[in-house]
Amino acid sequence: MDEGKPAVKSVNDEEYDYLFKVVLIGDSGVGKSNLLSRFTRNEFNLESKSTIGVEFATRSIKTDDKVIKAQIWDTAGQERYRAITSAYYRGAVGALLVYDISKRVTYDNVARWLKELRDHADENIVIMLVGNKRDLRHMRMVPTEEAKEFCEANNLFFIETSALDASNVDLAFQRILTEIYQIISKKNVHADASGAHKFTGAGQAIVITDENAAQGGASSASNGGSRCCKG
């Protein structure tokens, strides 16, 4: 390894440069578990049952010759597990807040989930709002523009995905992981006494569109990409 590069760590014989904890939150039934399984194992289960408590899976991606290992936590959406899952926000550097575009109530609850996240997580955690089940466009109950406006007001990233047909799933995870990496690589992060990451400075939030995906990824706002919110 070249001098000046961070030491490579290894877990279960898998080498990586960075380990990022990302949490999936949102109402039960919006597809969090299938987003996780689609990204980490390229699997989808129509008979997927509600998560009990908390589960997690990992996948590594490469950016700028660095291996980023994502530890993705799938938190139960049921009310009775909320007290349990709140502890798992600790140490998270990213969050995907998921709703179902075909079920209005899941979007109406987004503000409550966002408040819970900000109450328990680091104030500068990178957050992406995810409208899942975009394959159900004919049943859409949440207009895309309305969700974009919510992002604009709350400084969030935004994307619509389908765990069923896999559209934009990889892009969503890769974009949030890359954003976290860029913040850390700019040395705008430091560790507190417990080793938890503390972000300094808010990141820019953008809308990730299918056009971005076709070009190989979303551009940052500073690079001319479509911006959801002004950072």
Foldseek 3Di string as FASTA:
>chain_A
DDPPQADWDDDPNDTFREEAEEEEAFAWPLCLVLLQCCQQPVDGDPPDDFDDAKDWDWDWDDDPNGIYIYIYMYGGRDPVNPVRCLQVQELHQEYEYEGEQLDVVRVVCSVVVVVSSCVRHAVQRAYEYEHEPVVVVVRGPDDPVVVLLVCQVVQHAYDYAYSVVGPCSNQVVVVSSVQSVVQVVVVQWDADPVRRIHGDDHDFYAYWDVVQVVVPHADGVVVVGHGSYGD
